[in-house]
Amino acid sequence: MLKIHCPQCKRSFLWTDEMPIQDKCPNPDCRWQYDVHDELKKNLNPQEKHEAHKKMLCPLCQQEIASRLCVCPGCHYIVAGKRTFRKSSLFLAVCLVLIMLSLIFKYSG
């Protein structure tokens, strides 16, 4: 189903698979001809297309990065979403978590 807006009579209607791909507006007073392929192209939001091609930038140094979870080639910080971390800070956090887990498993059983 596709919602088509008629530019002449200002009405909209739903196109279904049973309807022809090219036909005139269902309004009997209107002579506008629709084409489903053209209407699909019109329904695509041009802003979404533009945002898809936007480059992702590091929140710290504003250099281009490959993804939101990577090491920035400019500042060499770890990028995780909108935050950045030093590699040493992340290493320390992982070590602390592993120590806590080992203590939990050692004294729980």
PDB file of N, CA and C in Angstrom:
ATOM      1  N   MET A   1       0.837  -1.172   0.000  1.00  0.00           N
ATOM      2  CA  MET A   1       0.000   0.000   0.000  1.00  0.00           C
ATOM      3  C   MET A   1       0.886   1.240   0.000  1.00  0.00           C
ATOM      4  N   LEU A   2       0.454   2.227  -0.759  1.00  0.00           N
ATOM      5  CA  LEU A   2       1.185   3.473  -0.894  1.00  0.00           C
ATOM      6  C   LEU A   2       0.194   4.618  -0.881  1.00  0.00           C
ATOM      7  N   LYS A   3       0.482   5.622  -0.077  1.00  0.00           N
ATOM      8  CA  LYS A   3      -0.389   6.783  -0.031  1.00  0.00           C
ATOM      9  C   LYS A   3       0.071   7.768  -1.102  1.00  0.00           C
ATOM     10  N   ILE A   4      -0.838   8.110  -2.004  1.00  0.00           N
ATOM     11  CA  ILE A   4      -0.531   9.013  -3.110  1.00  0.00           C
ATOM     12  C   ILE A   4      -1.330  10.294  -2.923  1.00  0.00           C
ATOM     13  N   HIS A   5      -0.643  11.431  -3.053  1.00  0.00           N
ATOM     14  CA  HIS A   5      -1.282  12.741  -2.937  1.00  0.00           C
ATOM     15  C   HIS A   5      -1.447  13.324  -4.333  1.00  0.00           C
ATOM     16  N   CYS A   6      -2.656  13.690  -4.661  1.00  0.00           N
ATOM     17  CA  CYS A   6      -2.949  14.291  -5.966  1.00  0.00           C
ATOM     18  C   CYS A   6      -2.650  15.791  -5.892  1.00  0.00           C
ATOM     19  N   PRO A   7      -1.791  16.317  -6.779  1.00  0.00           N
ATOM     20  CA  PRO A   7      -1.466  17.740  -6.727  1.00  0.00           C
ATOM     21  C   PRO A   7      -2.583  18.634  -7.278  1.00  0.00           C
ATOM     22  N   GLN A   8      -3.507  18.070  -8.060  1.00  0.00           N
ATOM     23  CA  GLN A   8      -4.564  18.893  -8.651  1.00  0.00           C
ATOM     24  C   GLN A   8      -5.765  19.040  -7.730  1.00  0.00           C
ATOM     25  N   CYS A   9      -6.314  17.925  -7.259  1.00  0.00           N
ATOM     26  CA  CYS A   9      -7.515  18.000  -6.421  1.00  0.00           C
ATOM     27  C   CYS A   9      -7.172  18.040  -4.930  1.00  0.00           C
ATOM     28  N   LYS A  10      -5.884  17.903  -4.586  1.00  0.00           N
ATOM     29  CA  LYS A  10      -5.394  17.977  -3.195  1.00  0.00           C
ATOM     30  C   LYS A  10      -5.923  16.867  -2.304  1.00  0.00           C
ATOM     31  N   ARG A  11      -6.381  15.793  -2.885  1.00  0.00           N
ATOM     32  CA  ARG A  11      -6.829  14.637  -2.104  1.00  0.00           C
ATOM     33  C   ARG A  11      -5.750  13.573  -2.121  1.00  0.00           C
ATOM     34  N   SER A  12      -5.853  12.658  -1.192  1.00  0.00           N
ATOM     35  CA  SER A  12      -4.927  11.534  -1.171  1.00  0.00           C
ATOM     36  C   SER A  12      -5.716  10.238  -1.157  1.00  0.00           C
ATOM     37  N   PHE A  13      -5.080   9.208  -1.685  1.00  0.00           N
ATOM     38  CA  PHE A  13      -5.720   7.894  -1.732  1.00  0.00           C
ATOM     39  C   PHE A  13      -4.646   6.835  -1.553  1.00  0.00           C
ATOM     40  N   LEU A  14      -5.084   5.636  -1.200  1.00  0.00           N
ATOM     41  CA  LEU A  14      -4.170   4.523  -1.004  1.00  0.00           C
ATOM     42  C   LEU A  14      -4.123   3.669  -2.261  1.00  0.00           C
ATOM     43  N   TRP A  15      -2.920   3.445  -2.745  1.00  0.00           N
ATOM     44  CA  TRP A  15      -2.729   2.564  -3.888  1.00  0.00           C
ATOM     45  C   TRP A  15      -2.430   1.172  -3.351  1.00  0.00           C
ATOM     46  N   THR A  16      -3.133   0.168  -3.887  1.00  0.00           N
ATOM     47  CA  THR A  16      -2.911  -1.220  -3.470  1.00  0.00           C
ATOM     48  C   THR A  16      -2.360  -2.006  -4.652  1.00  0.00           C
ATOM     49  N   ASP A  17      -1.941  -3.220  -4.386  1.00  0.00           N
ATOM     50  CA  ASP A  17      -1.343  -4.055  -5.438  1.00  0.00           C
ATOM     51  C   ASP A  17      -2.336  -4.422  -6.536  1.00  0.00           C
ATOM     52  N   GLU A  18      -3.626  -4.385  -6.237  1.00  0.00           N
ATOM     53  CA  GLU A  18      -4.630  -4.736  -7.233  1.00  0.00           C
ATOM     54  C   GLU A  18      -4.864  -3.600  -8.237  1.00  0.00           C
ATOM     55  N   MET A  19      -4.463  -2.397  -7.892  1.00  0.00           N
ATOM     56  CA  MET A  19      -4.675  -1.241  -8.772  1.00  0.00           C
ATOM     57  C   MET A  19      -3.584  -1.191  -9.834  1.00  0.00           C
ATOM     58  N   PRO A  20      -3.866  -0.556 -10.979  1.00  0.00           N
ATOM     59  CA  PRO A  20      -2.833  -0.454 -12.026  1.00  0.00           C
ATOM     60  C   PRO A  20      -1.686   0.461 -11.581  1.00  0.00           C
ATOM     61  N   ILE A  21      -0.525   0.252 -12.156  1.00  0.00           N
ATOM     62  CA  ILE A  21       0.653   1.036 -11.791  1.00  0.00           C
ATOM     63  C   ILE A  21       0.526   2.469 -12.292  1.00  0.00           C
ATOM     64  N   GLN A  22      -0.101   2.650 -13.455  1.00  0.00           N
ATOM     65  CA  GLN A  22      -0.344   3.988 -13.991  1.00  0.00           C
ATOM     66  C   GLN A  22      -1.836   4.114 -14.278  1.00  0.00           C
ATOM     67  N   ASP A  23      -2.440   5.151 -13.722  1.00  0.00           N
ATOM     68  CA  ASP A  23      -3.867   5.356 -13.921  1.00  0.00           C
ATOM     69  C   ASP A  23      -4.185   6.793 -13.531  1.00  0.00           C
ATOM     70  N   LYS A  24      -5.467   7.163 -13.647  1.00  0.00           N
ATOM     71  CA  LYS A  24      -5.844   8.520 -13.246  1.00  0.00           C
ATOM     72  C   LYS A  24      -6.326   8.534 -11.802  1.00  0.00           C
ATOM     73  N   CYS A  25      -6.365   9.701 -11.244  1.00  0.00           N
ATOM     74  CA  CYS A  25      -6.797   9.912  -9.867  1.00  0.00           C
ATOM     75  C   CYS A  25      -8.213   9.361  -9.680  1.00  0.00           C
ATOM     76  N   PRO A  26      -8.510   8.695  -8.545  1.00  0.00           N
ATOM     77  CA  PRO A  26      -9.840   8.127  -8.336  1.00  0.00           C
ATOM     78  C   PRO A  26     -10.954   9.172  -8.202  1.00  0.00           C
ATOM     79  N   ASN A  27     -10.605  10.411  -7.984  1.00  0.00           N
ATOM     80  CA  ASN A  27     -11.596  11.471  -7.904  1.00  0.00           C
ATOM     81  C   ASN A  27     -12.191  11.673  -9.314  1.00  0.00           C
ATOM     82  N   PRO A  28     -13.503  11.555  -9.489  1.00  0.00           N
ATOM     83  CA  PRO A  28     -14.091  11.643 -10.834  1.00  0.00           C
ATOM     84  C   PRO A  28     -13.919  13.023 -11.484  1.00  0.00           C
ATOM     85  N   ASP A  29     -13.739  14.079 -10.693  1.00  0.00           N
ATOM     86  CA  ASP A  29     -13.590  15.424 -11.254  1.00  0.00           C
ATOM     87  C   ASP A  29     -12.144  15.743 -11.627  1.00  0.00           C
ATOM     88  N   CYS A  30     -11.230  14.881 -11.304  1.00  0.00           N
ATOM     89  CA  CYS A  30      -9.808  15.144 -11.520  1.00  0.00           C
ATOM     90  C   CYS A  30      -9.299  14.358 -12.723  1.00  0.00           C
ATOM     91  N   ARG A  31      -8.359  14.951 -13.466  1.00  0.00           N
ATOM     92  CA  ARG A  31      -7.796  14.288 -14.643  1.00  0.00           C
ATOM     93  C   ARG A  31      -6.321  13.944 -14.466  1.00  0.00           C
ATOM     94  N   TRP A  32      -5.814  14.102 -13.270  1.00  0.00           N
ATOM     95  CA  TRP A  32      -4.383  13.856 -13.031  1.00  0.00           C
ATOM     96  C   TRP A  32      -4.063  12.375 -13.162  1.00  0.00           C
ATOM     97  N   GLN A  33      -2.942  12.066 -13.815  1.00  0.00           N
ATOM     98  CA  GLN A  33      -2.482  10.692 -13.995  1.00  0.00           C
ATOM     99  C   GLN A  33      -1.357  10.413 -13.007  1.00  0.00           C
ATOM    100  N   TYR A  34      -1.457   9.328 -12.285  1.00  0.00           N
ATOM    101  CA  TYR A  34      -0.392   8.970 -11.342  1.00  0.00           C
ATOM    102  C   TYR A  34       0.450   7.847 -11.911  1.00  0.00           C
ATOM    103  N   ASP A  35       1.680   7.797 -11.457  1.00  0.00           N
ATOM    104  CA  ASP A  35       2.601   6.715 -11.771  1.00  0.00           C
ATOM    105  C   ASP A  35       3.226   6.276 -10.446  1.00  0.00           C
ATOM    106  N   VAL A  36       3.036   5.027 -10.095  1.00  0.00           N
ATOM    107  CA  VAL A  36       3.462   4.530  -8.784  1.00  0.00           C
ATOM    108  C   VAL A  36       4.978   4.680  -8.613  1.00  0.00           C
ATOM    109  N   HIS A  37       5.752   4.458  -9.663  1.00  0.00           N
ATOM    110  CA  HIS A  37       7.200   4.563  -9.562  1.00  0.00           C
ATOM    111  C   HIS A  37       7.626   5.996  -9.222  1.00  0.00           C
ATOM    112  N   ASP A  38       6.994   6.975  -9.866  1.00  0.00           N
ATOM    113  CA  ASP A  38       7.309   8.374  -9.565  1.00  0.00           C
ATOM    114  C   ASP A  38       6.882   8.744  -8.149  1.00  0.00           C
ATOM    115  N   GLU A  39       5.743   8.224  -7.716  1.00  0.00           N
ATOM    116  CA  GLU A  39       5.255   8.543  -6.369  1.00  0.00           C
ATOM    117  C   GLU A  39       6.144   7.925  -5.291  1.00  0.00           C
ATOM    118  N   LEU A  40       6.694   6.741  -5.556  1.00  0.00           N
ATOM    119  CA  LEU A  40       7.623   6.135  -4.610  1.00  0.00           C
ATOM    120  C   LEU A  40       8.873   6.999  -4.459  1.00  0.00           C
ATOM    121  N   LYS A  41       9.353   7.537  -5.566  1.00  0.00           N
ATOM    122  CA  LYS A  41      10.531   8.409  -5.505  1.00  0.00           C
ATOM    123  C   LYS A  41      10.225   9.683  -4.733  1.00  0.00           C
ATOM    124  N   LYS A  42       9.019  10.219  -4.879  1.00  0.00           N
ATOM    125  CA  LYS A  42       8.637  11.433  -4.157  1.00  0.00           C
ATOM    126  C   LYS A  42       8.517  11.176  -2.662  1.00  0.00           C
ATOM    127  N   ASN A  43       8.085   9.970  -2.278  1.00  0.00           N
ATOM    128  CA  ASN A  43       7.868   9.654  -0.865  1.00  0.00           C
ATOM    129  C   ASN A  43       9.163   9.461  -0.097  1.00  0.00           C
ATOM    130  N   LEU A  44      10.267   9.220  -0.793  1.00  0.00           N
ATOM    131  CA  LEU A  44      11.543   9.104  -0.102  1.00  0.00           C
ATOM    132  C   LEU A  44      11.927  10.465   0.431  1.00  0.00           C
ATOM    133  N   ASN A  45      12.277  10.505   1.689  1.00  0.00           N
ATOM    134  CA  ASN A  45      12.626  11.770   2.323  1.00  0.00           C
ATOM    135  C   ASN A  45      14.042  12.162   1.906  1.00  0.00           C
ATOM    136  N   PRO A  46      14.232  13.298   1.240  1.00  0.00           N
ATOM    137  CA  PRO A  46      15.584  13.676   0.818  1.00  0.00           C
ATOM    138  C   PRO A  46      16.514  13.937   1.988  1.00  0.00           C
ATOM    139  N   GLN A  47      15.976  14.310   3.138  1.00  0.00           N
ATOM    140  CA  GLN A  47      16.809  14.541   4.307  1.00  0.00           C
ATOM    141  C   GLN A  47      17.410  13.225   4.801  1.00  0.00           C
ATOM    142  N   GLU A  48      16.644  12.130   4.730  1.00  0.00           N
ATOM    143  CA  GLU A  48      17.162  10.827   5.140  1.00  0.00           C
ATOM    144  C   GLU A  48      18.296  10.387   4.226  1.00  0.00           C
ATOM    145  N   LYS A  49      18.170  10.674   2.920  1.00  0.00           N
ATOM    146  CA  LYS A  49      19.234  10.317   1.992  1.00  0.00           C
ATOM    147  C   LYS A  49      20.507  11.084   2.338  1.00  0.00           C
ATOM    148  N   HIS A  50      20.351  12.362   2.676  1.00  0.00           N
ATOM    149  CA  HIS A  50      21.507  13.193   2.997  1.00  0.00           C
ATOM    150  C   HIS A  50      22.172  12.719   4.286  1.00  0.00           C
ATOM    151  N   GLU A  51      21.392  12.343   5.287  1.00  0.00           N
ATOM    152  CA  GLU A  51      21.944  11.889   6.554  1.00  0.00           C
ATOM    153  C   GLU A  51      22.657  10.553   6.419  1.00  0.00           C
ATOM    154  N   ALA A  52      22.239   9.739   5.470  1.00  0.00           N
ATOM    155  CA  ALA A  52      22.883   8.451   5.281  1.00  0.00           C
ATOM    156  C   ALA A  52      24.314   8.623   4.765  1.00  0.00           C
ATOM    157  N   HIS A  53      24.562   9.703   4.030  1.00  0.00           N
ATOM    158  CA  HIS A  53      25.888   9.938   3.475  1.00  0.00           C
ATOM    159  C   HIS A  53      26.741  10.848   4.356  1.00  0.00           C
ATOM    160  N   LYS A  54      26.229  11.242   5.520  1.00  0.00           N
ATOM    161  CA  LYS A  54      26.992  12.077   6.435  1.00  0.00           C
ATOM    162  C   LYS A  54      28.175  11.294   6.980  1.00  0.00           C
ATOM    163  N   LYS A  55      29.270  11.984   7.146  1.00  0.00           N
ATOM    164  CA  LYS A  55      30.450  11.337   7.710  1.00  0.00           C
ATOM    165  C   LYS A  55      30.354  11.356   9.227  1.00  0.00           C
ATOM    166  N   MET A  56      30.815  10.288   9.852  1.00  0.00           N
ATOM    167  CA  MET A  56      30.852  10.237  11.306  1.00  0.00           C
ATOM    168  C   MET A  56      32.156  10.855  11.771  1.00  0.00           C
ATOM    169  N   LEU A  57      32.068  11.705  12.795  1.00  0.00           N
ATOM    170  CA  LEU A  57      33.235  12.399  13.310  1.00  0.00           C
ATOM    171  C   LEU A  57      33.492  12.020  14.759  1.00  0.00           C
ATOM    172  N   CYS A  58      34.759  12.032  15.124  1.00  0.00           N
ATOM    173  CA  CYS A  58      35.156  11.774  16.506  1.00  0.00           C
ATOM    174  C   CYS A  58      34.642  12.916  17.379  1.00  0.00           C
ATOM    175  N   PRO A  59      34.005  12.621  18.518  1.00  0.00           N
ATOM    176  CA  PRO A  59      33.501  13.693  19.379  1.00  0.00           C
ATOM    177  C   PRO A  59      34.616  14.535  20.007  1.00  0.00           C
ATOM    178  N   LEU A  60      35.829  14.019  20.067  1.00  0.00           N
ATOM    179  CA  LEU A  60      36.922  14.740  20.705  1.00  0.00           C
ATOM    180  C   LEU A  60      37.697  15.613  19.718  1.00  0.00           C
ATOM    181  N   CYS A  61      38.178  15.016  18.615  1.00  0.00           N
ATOM    182  CA  CYS A  61      39.040  15.763  17.691  1.00  0.00           C
ATOM    183  C   CYS A  61      38.365  16.107  16.367  1.00  0.00           C
ATOM    184  N   GLN A  62      37.142  15.657  16.161  1.00  0.00           N
ATOM    185  CA  GLN A  62      36.339  15.935  14.951  1.00  0.00           C
ATOM    186  C   GLN A  62      36.950  15.359  13.673  1.00  0.00           C
ATOM    187  N   GLN A  63      37.782  14.334  13.782  1.00  0.00           N
ATOM    188  CA  GLN A  63      38.302  13.671  12.601  1.00  0.00           C
ATOM    189  C   GLN A  63      37.349  12.556  12.193  1.00  0.00           C
ATOM    190  N   GLU A  64      37.325  12.228  10.919  1.00  0.00           N
ATOM    191  CA  GLU A  64      36.408  11.206  10.404  1.00  0.00           C
ATOM    192  C   GLU A  64      36.765   9.836  10.985  1.00  0.00           C
ATOM    193  N   ILE A  65      35.719   9.102  11.412  1.00  0.00           N
ATOM    194  CA  ILE A  65      35.903   7.755  11.956  1.00  0.00           C
ATOM    195  C   ILE A  65      35.056   6.772  11.158  1.00  0.00           C
ATOM    196  N   ALA A  66      35.407   5.499  11.263  1.00  0.00           N
ATOM    197  CA  ALA A  66      34.718   4.468  10.485  1.00  0.00           C
ATOM    198  C   ALA A  66      33.374   4.080  11.086  1.00  0.00           C
ATOM    199  N   SER A  67      33.290   4.010  12.417  1.00  0.00           N
ATOM    200  CA  SER A  67      32.041   3.625  13.068  1.00  0.00           C
ATOM    201  C   SER A  67      31.982   4.263  14.447  1.00  0.00           C
ATOM    202  N   ARG A  68      30.892   4.047  15.153  1.00  0.00           N
ATOM    203  CA  ARG A  68      30.736   4.628  16.482  1.00  0.00           C
ATOM    204  C   ARG A  68      31.390   3.787  17.576  1.00  0.00           C
ATOM    205  N   LEU A  69      32.030   2.701  17.220  1.00  0.00           N
ATOM    206  CA  LEU A  69      32.786   1.893  18.174  1.00  0.00           C
ATOM    207  C   LEU A  69      34.106   1.536  17.504  1.00  0.00           C
ATOM    208  N   CYS A  70      35.116   2.393  17.707  1.00  0.00           N
ATOM    209  CA  CYS A  70      36.405   2.193  17.050  1.00  0.00           C
ATOM    210  C   CYS A  70      37.466   3.013  17.771  1.00  0.00           C
ATOM    211  N   VAL A  71      38.679   2.924  17.277  1.00  0.00           N
ATOM    212  CA  VAL A  71      39.782   3.753  17.763  1.00  0.00           C
ATOM    213  C   VAL A  71      39.955   4.873  16.748  1.00  0.00           C
ATOM    214  N   CYS A  72      39.912   6.110  17.217  1.00  0.00           N
ATOM    215  CA  CYS A  72      40.027   7.273  16.338  1.00  0.00           C
ATOM    216  C   CYS A  72      41.445   7.339  15.772  1.00  0.00           C
ATOM    217  N   PRO A  73      41.589   7.492  14.464  1.00  0.00           N
ATOM    218  CA  PRO A  73      42.930   7.585  13.892  1.00  0.00           C
ATOM    219  C   PRO A  73      43.625   8.911  14.209  1.00  0.00           C
ATOM    220  N   GLY A  74      42.868   9.930  14.612  1.00  0.00           N
ATOM    221  CA  GLY A  74      43.455  11.235  14.893  1.00  0.00           C
ATOM    222  C   GLY A  74      43.998  11.354  16.307  1.00  0.00           C
ATOM    223  N   CYS A  75      43.153  11.096  17.305  1.00  0.00           N
ATOM    224  CA  CYS A  75      43.552  11.282  18.704  1.00  0.00           C
ATOM    225  C   CYS A  75      43.887   9.966  19.395  1.00  0.00           C
ATOM    226  N   HIS A  76      43.626   8.837  18.746  1.00  0.00           N
ATOM    227  CA  HIS A  76      43.897   7.488  19.259  1.00  0.00           C
ATOM    228  C   HIS A  76      43.126   7.175  20.536  1.00  0.00           C
ATOM    229  N   TYR A  77      41.980   7.831  20.721  1.00  0.00           N
ATOM    230  CA  TYR A  77      41.086   7.504  21.829  1.00  0.00           C
ATOM    231  C   TYR A  77      40.077   6.475  21.328  1.00  0.00           C
ATOM    232  N   ILE A  78      39.479   5.746  22.241  1.00  0.00           N
ATOM    233  CA  ILE A  78      38.437   4.787  21.883  1.00  0.00           C
ATOM    234  C   ILE A  78      37.120   5.541  21.829  1.00  0.00           C
ATOM    235  N   VAL A  79      36.427   5.450  20.704  1.00  0.00           N
ATOM    236  CA  VAL A  79      35.134   6.109  20.523  1.00  0.00           C
ATOM    237  C   VAL A  79      34.055   5.068  20.756  1.00  0.00           C
ATOM    238  N   ALA A  80      33.146   5.360  21.680  1.00  0.00           N
ATOM    239  CA  ALA A  80      32.007   4.484  21.975  1.00  0.00           C
ATOM    240  C   ALA A  80      30.766   5.360  21.973  1.00  0.00           C
ATOM    241  N   GLY A  81      30.108   5.423  20.845  1.00  0.00           N
ATOM    242  CA  GLY A  81      28.938   6.286  20.717  1.00  0.00           C
ATOM    243  C   GLY A  81      29.362   7.736  20.680  1.00  0.00           C
ATOM    244  N   LYS A  82      28.877   8.523  21.638  1.00  0.00           N
ATOM    245  CA  LYS A  82      29.226   9.943  21.696  1.00  0.00           C
ATOM    246  C   LYS A  82      30.299  10.222  22.748  1.00  0.00           C
ATOM    247  N   ARG A  83      30.926   9.181  23.262  1.00  0.00           N
ATOM    248  CA  ARG A  83      31.944   9.344  24.297  1.00  0.00           C
ATOM    249  C   ARG A  83      33.288   8.828  23.797  1.00  0.00           C
ATOM    250  N   THR A  84      34.338   9.356  24.399  1.00  0.00           N
ATOM    251  CA  THR A  84      35.683   8.880  24.084  1.00  0.00           C
ATOM    252  C   THR A  84      36.373   8.469  25.381  1.00  0.00           C
ATOM    253  N   PHE A  85      37.240   7.473  25.281  1.00  0.00           N
ATOM    254  CA  PHE A  85      37.981   6.966  26.429  1.00  0.00           C
ATOM    255  C   PHE A  85      39.429   6.754  26.026  1.00  0.00           C
ATOM    256  N   ARG A  86      40.331   6.992  26.978  1.00  0.00           N
ATOM    257  CA  ARG A  86      41.728   6.643  26.739  1.00  0.00           C
ATOM    258  C   ARG A  86      41.845   5.127  26.799  1.00  0.00           C
ATOM    259  N   LYS A  87      42.784   4.598  26.060  1.00  0.00           N
ATOM    260  CA  LYS A  87      42.969   3.143  26.063  1.00  0.00           C
ATOM    261  C   LYS A  87      43.339   2.651  27.462  1.00  0.00           C
ATOM    262  N   SER A  88      44.135   3.424  28.178  1.00  0.00           N
ATOM    263  CA  SER A  88      44.545   3.004  29.525  1.00  0.00           C
ATOM    264  C   SER A  88      43.353   2.974  30.480  1.00  0.00           C
ATOM    265  N   SER A  89      42.420   3.913  30.331  1.00  0.00           N
ATOM    266  CA  SER A  89      41.230   3.929  31.192  1.00  0.00           C
ATOM    267  C   SER A  89      40.359   2.710  30.929  1.00  0.00           C
ATOM    268  N   LEU A  90      40.209   2.360  29.680  1.00  0.00           N
ATOM    269  CA  LEU A  90      39.406   1.189  29.339  1.00  0.00           C
ATOM    270  C   LEU A  90      40.085  -0.088  29.852  1.00  0.00           C
ATOM    271  N   PHE A  91      41.401  -0.159  29.705  1.00  0.00           N
ATOM    272  CA  PHE A  91      42.145  -1.325  30.198  1.00  0.00           C
ATOM    273  C   PHE A  91      41.984  -1.464  31.710  1.00  0.00           C
ATOM    274  N   LEU A  92      42.083  -0.346  32.425  1.00  0.00           N
ATOM    275  CA  LEU A  92      41.914  -0.355  33.877  1.00  0.00           C
ATOM    276  C   LEU A  92      40.504  -0.794  34.277  1.00  0.00           C
ATOM    277  N   ALA A  93      39.492  -0.320  33.572  1.00  0.00           N
ATOM    278  CA  ALA A  93      38.107  -0.697  33.873  1.00  0.00           C
ATOM    279  C   ALA A  93      37.890  -2.197  33.649  1.00  0.00           C
ATOM    280  N   VAL A  94      38.437  -2.729  32.566  1.00  0.00           N
ATOM    281  CA  VAL A  94      38.291  -4.163  32.287  1.00  0.00           C
ATOM    282  C   VAL A  94      39.006  -4.979  33.362  1.00  0.00           C
ATOM    283  N   CYS A  95      40.175  -4.535  33.778  1.00  0.00           N
ATOM    284  CA  CYS A  95      40.906  -5.246  34.847  1.00  0.00           C
ATOM    285  C   CYS A  95      40.112  -5.263  36.150  1.00  0.00           C
ATOM    286  N   LEU A  96      39.539  -4.123  36.503  1.00  0.00           N
ATOM    287  CA  LEU A  96      38.742  -4.058  37.737  1.00  0.00           C
ATOM    288  C   LEU A  96      37.524  -4.970  37.667  1.00  0.00           C
ATOM    289  N   VAL A  97      36.864  -5.019  36.535  1.00  0.00           N
ATOM    290  CA  VAL A  97      35.705  -5.896  36.379  1.00  0.00           C
ATOM    291  C   VAL A  97      36.123  -7.352  36.505  1.00  0.00           C
ATOM    292  N   LEU A  98      37.244  -7.719  35.896  1.00  0.00           N
ATOM    293  CA  LEU A  98      37.716  -9.106  35.990  1.00  0.00           C
ATOM    294  C   LEU A  98      38.118  -9.477  37.418  1.00  0.00           C
ATOM    295  N   ILE A  99      38.736  -8.547  38.126  1.00  0.00           N
ATOM    296  CA  ILE A  99      39.096  -8.802  39.526  1.00  0.00           C
ATOM    297  C   ILE A  99      37.840  -8.997  40.366  1.00  0.00           C
ATOM    298  N   MET A 100      36.851  -8.139  40.170  1.00  0.00           N
ATOM    299  CA  MET A 100      35.593  -8.265  40.916  1.00  0.00           C
ATOM    300  C   MET A 100      34.919  -9.600  40.612  1.00  0.00           C
ATOM    301  N   LEU A 101      34.878  -9.997  39.347  1.00  0.00           N
ATOM    302  CA  LEU A 101      34.254 -11.278  38.996  1.00  0.00           C
ATOM    303  C   LEU A 101      35.014 -12.458  39.600  1.00  0.00           C
ATOM    304  N   SER A 102      36.340 -12.382  39.606  1.00  0.00           N
ATOM    305  CA  SER A 102      37.106 -13.486  40.181  1.00  0.00           C
ATOM    306  C   SER A 102      36.876 -13.589  41.696  1.00  0.00           C
ATOM    307  N   LEU A 103      36.759 -12.431  42.370  1.00  0.00           N
ATOM    308  CA  LEU A 103      36.470 -12.456  43.810  1.00  0.00           C
ATOM    309  C   LEU A 103      35.073 -13.006  44.089  1.00  0.00           C
ATOM    310  N   ILE A 104      34.104 -12.646  43.265  1.00  0.00           N
ATOM    311  CA  ILE A 104      32.749 -13.151  43.447  1.00  0.00           C
ATOM    312  C   ILE A 104      32.704 -14.663  43.282  1.00  0.00           C
ATOM    313  N   PHE A 105      33.359 -15.168  42.235  1.00  0.00           N
ATOM    314  CA  PHE A 105      33.349 -16.603  42.009  1.00  0.00           C
ATOM    315  C   PHE A 105      34.163 -17.360  43.054  1.00  0.00           C
ATOM    316  N   LYS A 106      35.220 -16.742  43.563  1.00  0.00           N
ATOM    317  CA  LYS A 106      36.058 -17.407  44.568  1.00  0.00           C
ATOM    318  C   LYS A 106      35.318 -17.578  45.886  1.00  0.00           C
ATOM    319  N   TYR A 107      34.605 -16.547  46.340  1.00  0.00           N
ATOM    320  CA  TYR A 107      33.960 -16.608  47.646  1.00  0.00           C
ATOM    321  C   TYR A 107      32.484 -16.993  47.605  1.00  0.00           C
ATOM    322  N   SER A 108      31.927 -17.173  46.431  1.00  0.00           N
ATOM    323  CA  SER A 108      30.498 -17.563  46.376  1.00  0.00           C
ATOM    324  C   SER A 108      30.318 -19.070  46.413  1.00  0.00           C
ATOM    325  N   GLY A 109      31.282 -19.812  46.071  1.00  0.00           N
ATOM    326  CA  GLY A 109      31.051 -21.243  45.962  1.00  0.00           C
ATOM    327  C   GLY A 109      31.751 -22.019  46.963  1.00  0.00           C
TER     328      GLY A 109
END
